[in-house]
Every structure is written in C-alpha cells, then in structure tokens.
C-alpha atoms as a PDB file:
ATOM      1  CA  MET A   1     107.756  -8.639 128.303  1.00  0.00           C
ATOM      2  CA  ARG A   2     110.201  -5.869 128.922  1.00  0.00           C
ATOM      3  CA  LEU A   3     112.223  -4.399 126.054  1.00  0.00           C
ATOM      4  CA  THR A   4     115.893  -3.776 126.491  1.00  0.00           C
ATOM      5  CA  TYR A   5     117.364  -0.324 126.083  1.00  0.00           C
ATOM      6  CA  ASN A   6     118.692  -1.062 122.588  1.00  0.00           C
ATOM      7  CA  ARG A   7     115.371  -2.396 121.367  1.00  0.00           C
ATOM      8  CA  ARG A   8     113.498   0.607 122.779  1.00  0.00           C
ATOM      9  CA  LEU A   9     115.982   2.955 121.147  1.00  0.00           C
ATOM     10  CA  ALA A  10     115.621   1.140 117.813  1.00  0.00           C
ATOM     11  CA  LEU A  11     111.830   1.335 118.115  1.00  0.00           C
ATOM     12  CA  TYR A  12     111.934   5.070 118.882  1.00  0.00           C
ATOM     13  CA  LEU A  13     114.258   5.694 115.945  1.00  0.00           C
ATOM     14  CA  LEU A  14     112.001   3.706 113.648  1.00  0.00           C
ATOM     15  CA  LEU A  15     108.953   5.665 114.803  1.00  0.00           C
ATOM     16  CA  ALA A  16     110.773   8.975 114.385  1.00  0.00           C
ATOM     17  CA  THR A  17     111.843   7.988 110.878  1.00  0.00           C
ATOM     18  CA  LEU A  18     108.297   7.021 109.942  1.00  0.00           C
ATOM     19  CA  LEU A  19     106.966  10.313 111.299  1.00  0.00           C
ATOM     20  CA  VAL A  20     109.529  12.296 109.305  1.00  0.00           C
ATOM     21  CA  LEU A  21     108.667  10.381 106.130  1.00  0.00           C
ATOM     22  CA  ALA A  22     104.958  10.949 106.732  1.00  0.00           C
ATOM     23  CA  LEU A  23     105.606  14.670 107.177  1.00  0.00           C
ATOM     24  CA  CYS A  24     107.638  14.724 103.950  1.00  0.00           C
ATOM     25  CA  LEU A  25     104.822  13.018 102.057  1.00  0.00           C
ATOM     26  CA  TRP A  26     102.243  15.412 103.469  1.00  0.00           C
ATOM     27  CA  CYS A  27     104.424  18.403 102.530  1.00  0.00           C
ATOM     28  CA  ARG A  28     104.886  17.059  99.026  1.00  0.00           C
ATOM     29  CA  PHE A  29     101.180  16.551  98.434  1.00  0.00           C
ATOM     30  CA  TYR A  30     100.264  19.874 100.012  1.00  0.00           C
ATOM     31  CA  VAL A  31     102.743  21.864  97.908  1.00  0.00           C
ATOM     32  CA  GLN A  32     101.812  20.057  94.716  1.00  0.00           C
ATOM     33  CA  SER A  33      98.083  20.524  95.277  1.00  0.00           C
ATOM     34  CA  ALA A  34      98.538  24.188  96.178  1.00  0.00           C
ATOM     35  CA  ALA A  35     100.703  24.784  93.095  1.00  0.00           C
ATOM     36  CA  ALA A  36      98.131  23.010  90.908  1.00  0.00           C
ATOM     37  CA  GLU A  37      95.343  25.106  92.429  1.00  0.00           C
ATOM     38  CA  LEU A  38      97.258  28.319  91.738  1.00  0.00           C
ATOM     39  CA  GLU A  39      98.115  27.169  88.218  1.00  0.00           C
ATOM     40  CA  GLN A  40      94.470  26.363  87.538  1.00  0.00           C
ATOM     41  CA  GLY A  41      93.481  29.857  88.634  1.00  0.00           C
ATOM     42  CA  LEU A  42      96.087  31.393  86.338  1.00  0.00           C
ATOM     43  CA  ALA A  43      94.993  29.244  83.386  1.00  0.00           C
ATOM     44  CA  GLY A  44      92.488  31.706  81.930  1.00  0.00           C
ATOM     45  CA  LEU A  45      94.579  34.773  82.604  1.00  0.00           C
ATOM     46  CA  ASP A  46      96.552  34.547  79.366  1.00  0.00           C
ATOM     47  CA  SER A  47      93.395  34.592  77.238  1.00  0.00           C
ATOM     48  CA  LEU A  48      92.182  37.685  79.108  1.00  0.00           C
ATOM     49  CA  ILE A  49      95.508  39.401  78.472  1.00  0.00           C
ATOM     50  CA  LEU A  50      95.450  38.508  74.769  1.00  0.00           C
ATOM     51  CA  ALA A  51      91.900  39.847  74.532  1.00  0.00           C
ATOM     52  CA  ALA A  52      93.063  43.057  76.268  1.00  0.00           C
ATOM     53  CA  ASP A  53      90.407  42.650  78.963  1.00  0.00           C
ATOM     54  CA  TRP A  54      92.627  44.322  81.543  1.00  0.00           C
ATOM     55  CA  THR A  55      89.998  44.911  84.246  1.00  0.00           C
ATOM     56  CA  GLN A  56      88.911  41.269  84.253  1.00  0.00           C
ATOM     57  CA  ALA A  57      92.554  40.179  84.227  1.00  0.00           C
ATOM     58  CA  GLU A  58      93.285  42.431  87.214  1.00  0.00           C
ATOM     59  CA  GLN A  59      90.331  40.959  89.109  1.00  0.00           C
ATOM     60  CA  ARG A  60      91.459  37.398  88.343  1.00  0.00           C
ATOM     61  CA  LEU A  61      95.017  38.191  89.409  1.00  0.00           C
ATOM     62  CA  ALA A  62      93.764  39.815  92.621  1.00  0.00           C
ATOM     63  CA  ALA A  63      91.888  36.620  93.455  1.00  0.00           C
ATOM     64  CA  GLU A  64      95.010  34.538  92.755  1.00  0.00           C
ATOM     65  CA  LEU A  65      97.139  36.861  94.870  1.00  0.00           C
ATOM     66  CA  ALA A  66      94.722  36.452  97.768  1.00  0.00           C
ATOM     67  CA  LEU A  67      94.925  32.678  97.383  1.00  0.00           C
ATOM     68  CA  TRP A  68      98.724  32.859  97.192  1.00  0.00           C
ATOM     69  CA  GLN A  69      98.880  34.881 100.405  1.00  0.00           C
ATOM     70  CA  LYS A  70      96.917  32.148 102.183  1.00  0.00           C
ATOM     71  CA  LYS A  71      99.185  29.409 100.828  1.00  0.00           C
ATOM     72  CA  ARG A  72     102.375  31.434 101.317  1.00  0.00           C
ATOM     73  CA  ALA A  73     102.347  31.241 105.109  1.00  0.00           C
ATOM     74  CA  VAL A  74     102.348  27.445 105.072  1.00  0.00           C
ATOM     75  CA  TRP A  75     104.862  27.263 102.223  1.00  0.00           C
ATOM     76  CA  GLN A  76     107.344  29.374 104.167  1.00  0.00           C
ATOM     77  CA  GLY A  77     107.252  26.934 107.038  1.00  0.00           C
ATOM     78  CA  LEU A  78     107.747  23.928 104.789  1.00  0.00           C
ATOM     79  CA  MET A  79     110.408  24.841 102.286  1.00  0.00           C
ATOM     80  CA  ASN A  80     113.332  26.975 101.291  1.00  0.00           C
ATOM     81  CA  HIS A  81     112.488  30.647 101.742  1.00  0.00           C
ATOM     82  CA  GLN A  82     114.195  31.555  98.471  1.00  0.00           C
ATOM     83  CA  ASP A  83     111.623  29.514  96.544  1.00  0.00           C
ATOM     84  CA  VAL A  84     108.808  31.387  98.243  1.00  0.00           C
ATOM     85  CA  MET A  85     110.529  34.715  97.566  1.00  0.00           C
ATOM     86  CA  ASN A  86     110.856  33.838  93.875  1.00  0.00           C
ATOM     87  CA  VAL A  87     107.118  33.204  93.613  1.00  0.00           C
ATOM     88  CA  ASP A  88     106.420  36.425  95.559  1.00  0.00           C
ATOM     89  CA  LEU A  89     108.618  38.489  93.254  1.00  0.00           C
ATOM     90  CA  ALA A  90     107.142  36.877  90.152  1.00  0.00           C
ATOM     91  CA  PHE A  91     103.598  37.700  91.304  1.00  0.00           C
ATOM     92  CA  ALA A  92     104.613  41.291  92.133  1.00  0.00           C
ATOM     93  CA  SER A  93     106.196  41.725  88.703  1.00  0.00           C
ATOM     94  CA  LEU A  94     103.158  40.205  87.025  1.00  0.00           C
ATOM     95  CA  GLN A  95     100.917  42.634  88.844  1.00  0.00           C
ATOM     96  CA  ALA A  96     103.115  45.582  87.790  1.00  0.00           C
ATOM     97  CA  TYR A  97     103.151  44.507  84.144  1.00  0.00           C
ATOM     98  CA  LEU A  98      99.411  43.970  84.211  1.00  0.00           C
ATOM     99  CA  LEU A  99      98.886  47.515  85.473  1.00  0.00           C
ATOM    100  CA  ARG A 100     101.061  48.837  82.633  1.00  0.00           C
ATOM    101  CA  GLN A 101      98.872  46.893  80.175  1.00  0.00           C
ATOM    102  CA  GLN A 102     101.717  45.568  78.067  1.00  0.00           C
ATOM    103  CA  THR A 103     100.648  42.318  76.503  1.00  0.00           C
ATOM    104  CA  GLU A 104     103.983  40.665  75.715  1.00  0.00           C
ATOM    105  CA  ASP A 105     105.681  41.607  78.968  1.00  0.00           C
ATOM    106  CA  THR A 106     102.672  40.499  80.980  1.00  0.00           C
ATOM    107  CA  LEU A 107     102.509  37.134  79.203  1.00  0.00           C
ATOM    108  CA  ASN A 108     106.244  36.626  79.752  1.00  0.00           C
ATOM    109  CA  GLN A 109     105.885  37.348  83.458  1.00  0.00           C
ATOM    110  CA  LEU A 110     102.889  35.014  83.666  1.00  0.00           C
ATOM    111  CA  ALA A 111     105.093  32.283  82.210  1.00  0.00           C
ATOM    112  CA  ILE A 112     107.704  33.036  84.877  1.00  0.00           C
ATOM    113  CA  VAL A 113     105.093  32.718  87.650  1.00  0.00           C
ATOM    114  CA  ARG A 114     104.027  29.363  86.232  1.00  0.00           C
ATOM    115  CA  TYR A 115     107.643  28.249  85.988  1.00  0.00           C
ATOM    116  CA  TYR A 116     108.370  29.106  89.626  1.00  0.00           C
ATOM    117  CA  LEU A 117     105.223  27.327  90.804  1.00  0.00           C
ATOM    118  CA  ALA A 118     106.149  24.210  88.847  1.00  0.00           C
ATOM    119  CA  GLN A 119     109.779  24.374  89.954  1.00  0.00           C
ATOM    120  CA  THR A 120     108.851  24.772  93.603  1.00  0.00           C
ATOM    121  CA  ALA A 121     106.510  21.795  93.430  1.00  0.00           C
ATOM    122  CA  ALA A 122     109.240  19.764  91.725  1.00  0.00           C
ATOM    123  CA  ASN A 123     111.738  20.693  94.450  1.00  0.00           C
ATOM    124  CA  GLU A 124     109.482  19.119  97.070  1.00  0.00           C
ATOM    125  CA  ARG A 125     109.401  15.656  95.504  1.00  0.00           C
ATOM    126  CA  LEU A 126     110.867  12.758  97.434  1.00  0.00           C
ATOM    127  CA  THR A 127     114.023  12.075  95.466  1.00  0.00           C
ATOM    128  CA  TRP A 128     117.577  11.306  96.558  1.00  0.00           C
ATOM    129  CA  PRO A 129     118.972  14.665  95.381  1.00  0.00           C
ATOM    130  CA  ASN A 130     116.313  16.486  97.421  1.00  0.00           C
ATOM    131  CA  PHE A 131     117.416  14.661 100.578  1.00  0.00           C
ATOM    132  CA  PHE A 132     121.028  15.712 100.135  1.00  0.00           C
END
C-alpha cells in the first residue's frame, strides 16, 4: 500500500512533533535532576557556614562548583543562556563571600544560588507559558 503525499507529510509532521516533545521531556527531567543534585550538595553548606567551619565549607563549595561546571555545558545547550549566567554569577558571588568569611552575606548568597537553581528548573517545565 502506497501512501499519498499528504499522508506521508502528515506522518512526518507527527513524528517530528513526537520527537520534539520527547526532547522537551528529556530536557525537563535532566535539568530538574541536575538542579536537585546541586541542591542536595549545597544542603549541608549552611550548617558549615553557621558553625564557622570555613575550610570545610570551601571544600564543599569547590566540589559543587566542579559538579556545576560539568552540568553547565549541557545546560547552555538546552536553555536560555541568561539563566545559566545567573547561576554562574550566583556561584561566583557565593565563592567570594565564602572567602571573606562573612556569615550573613554568605548565607544570603547561598539562598540566591538555591533560588536560581529552583527557578531555572521551574522554567523548563512543560507548561503553556513556557511554550510561548
């Protein structure tokens, strides 16, 4: 049975649509799992800062920065570059505040890093506003 041109075109468009939706779902799950992994690594950092264990906090942040650099390359290909830049700048500021050993400023910047990670993951959800 031979398909007509219109039926082939409709089939190709349907397949292309399904592939795009599958890619969107994969991107969503990848970004959300990466953000959750980064958030989990940052979870104990606030207690180290409150305890003024600056060397341990610096080591933990260095490990999270290395993980972020691995995830960053994929994130840049998947989403808005401004979102990635916001997370980059927040991590850089957190690192600077941590080196200055100022508890309140460091905790505030840690909250900003967490906010940007959560916001970026939320921006990648499959919702109507995100399509348009």
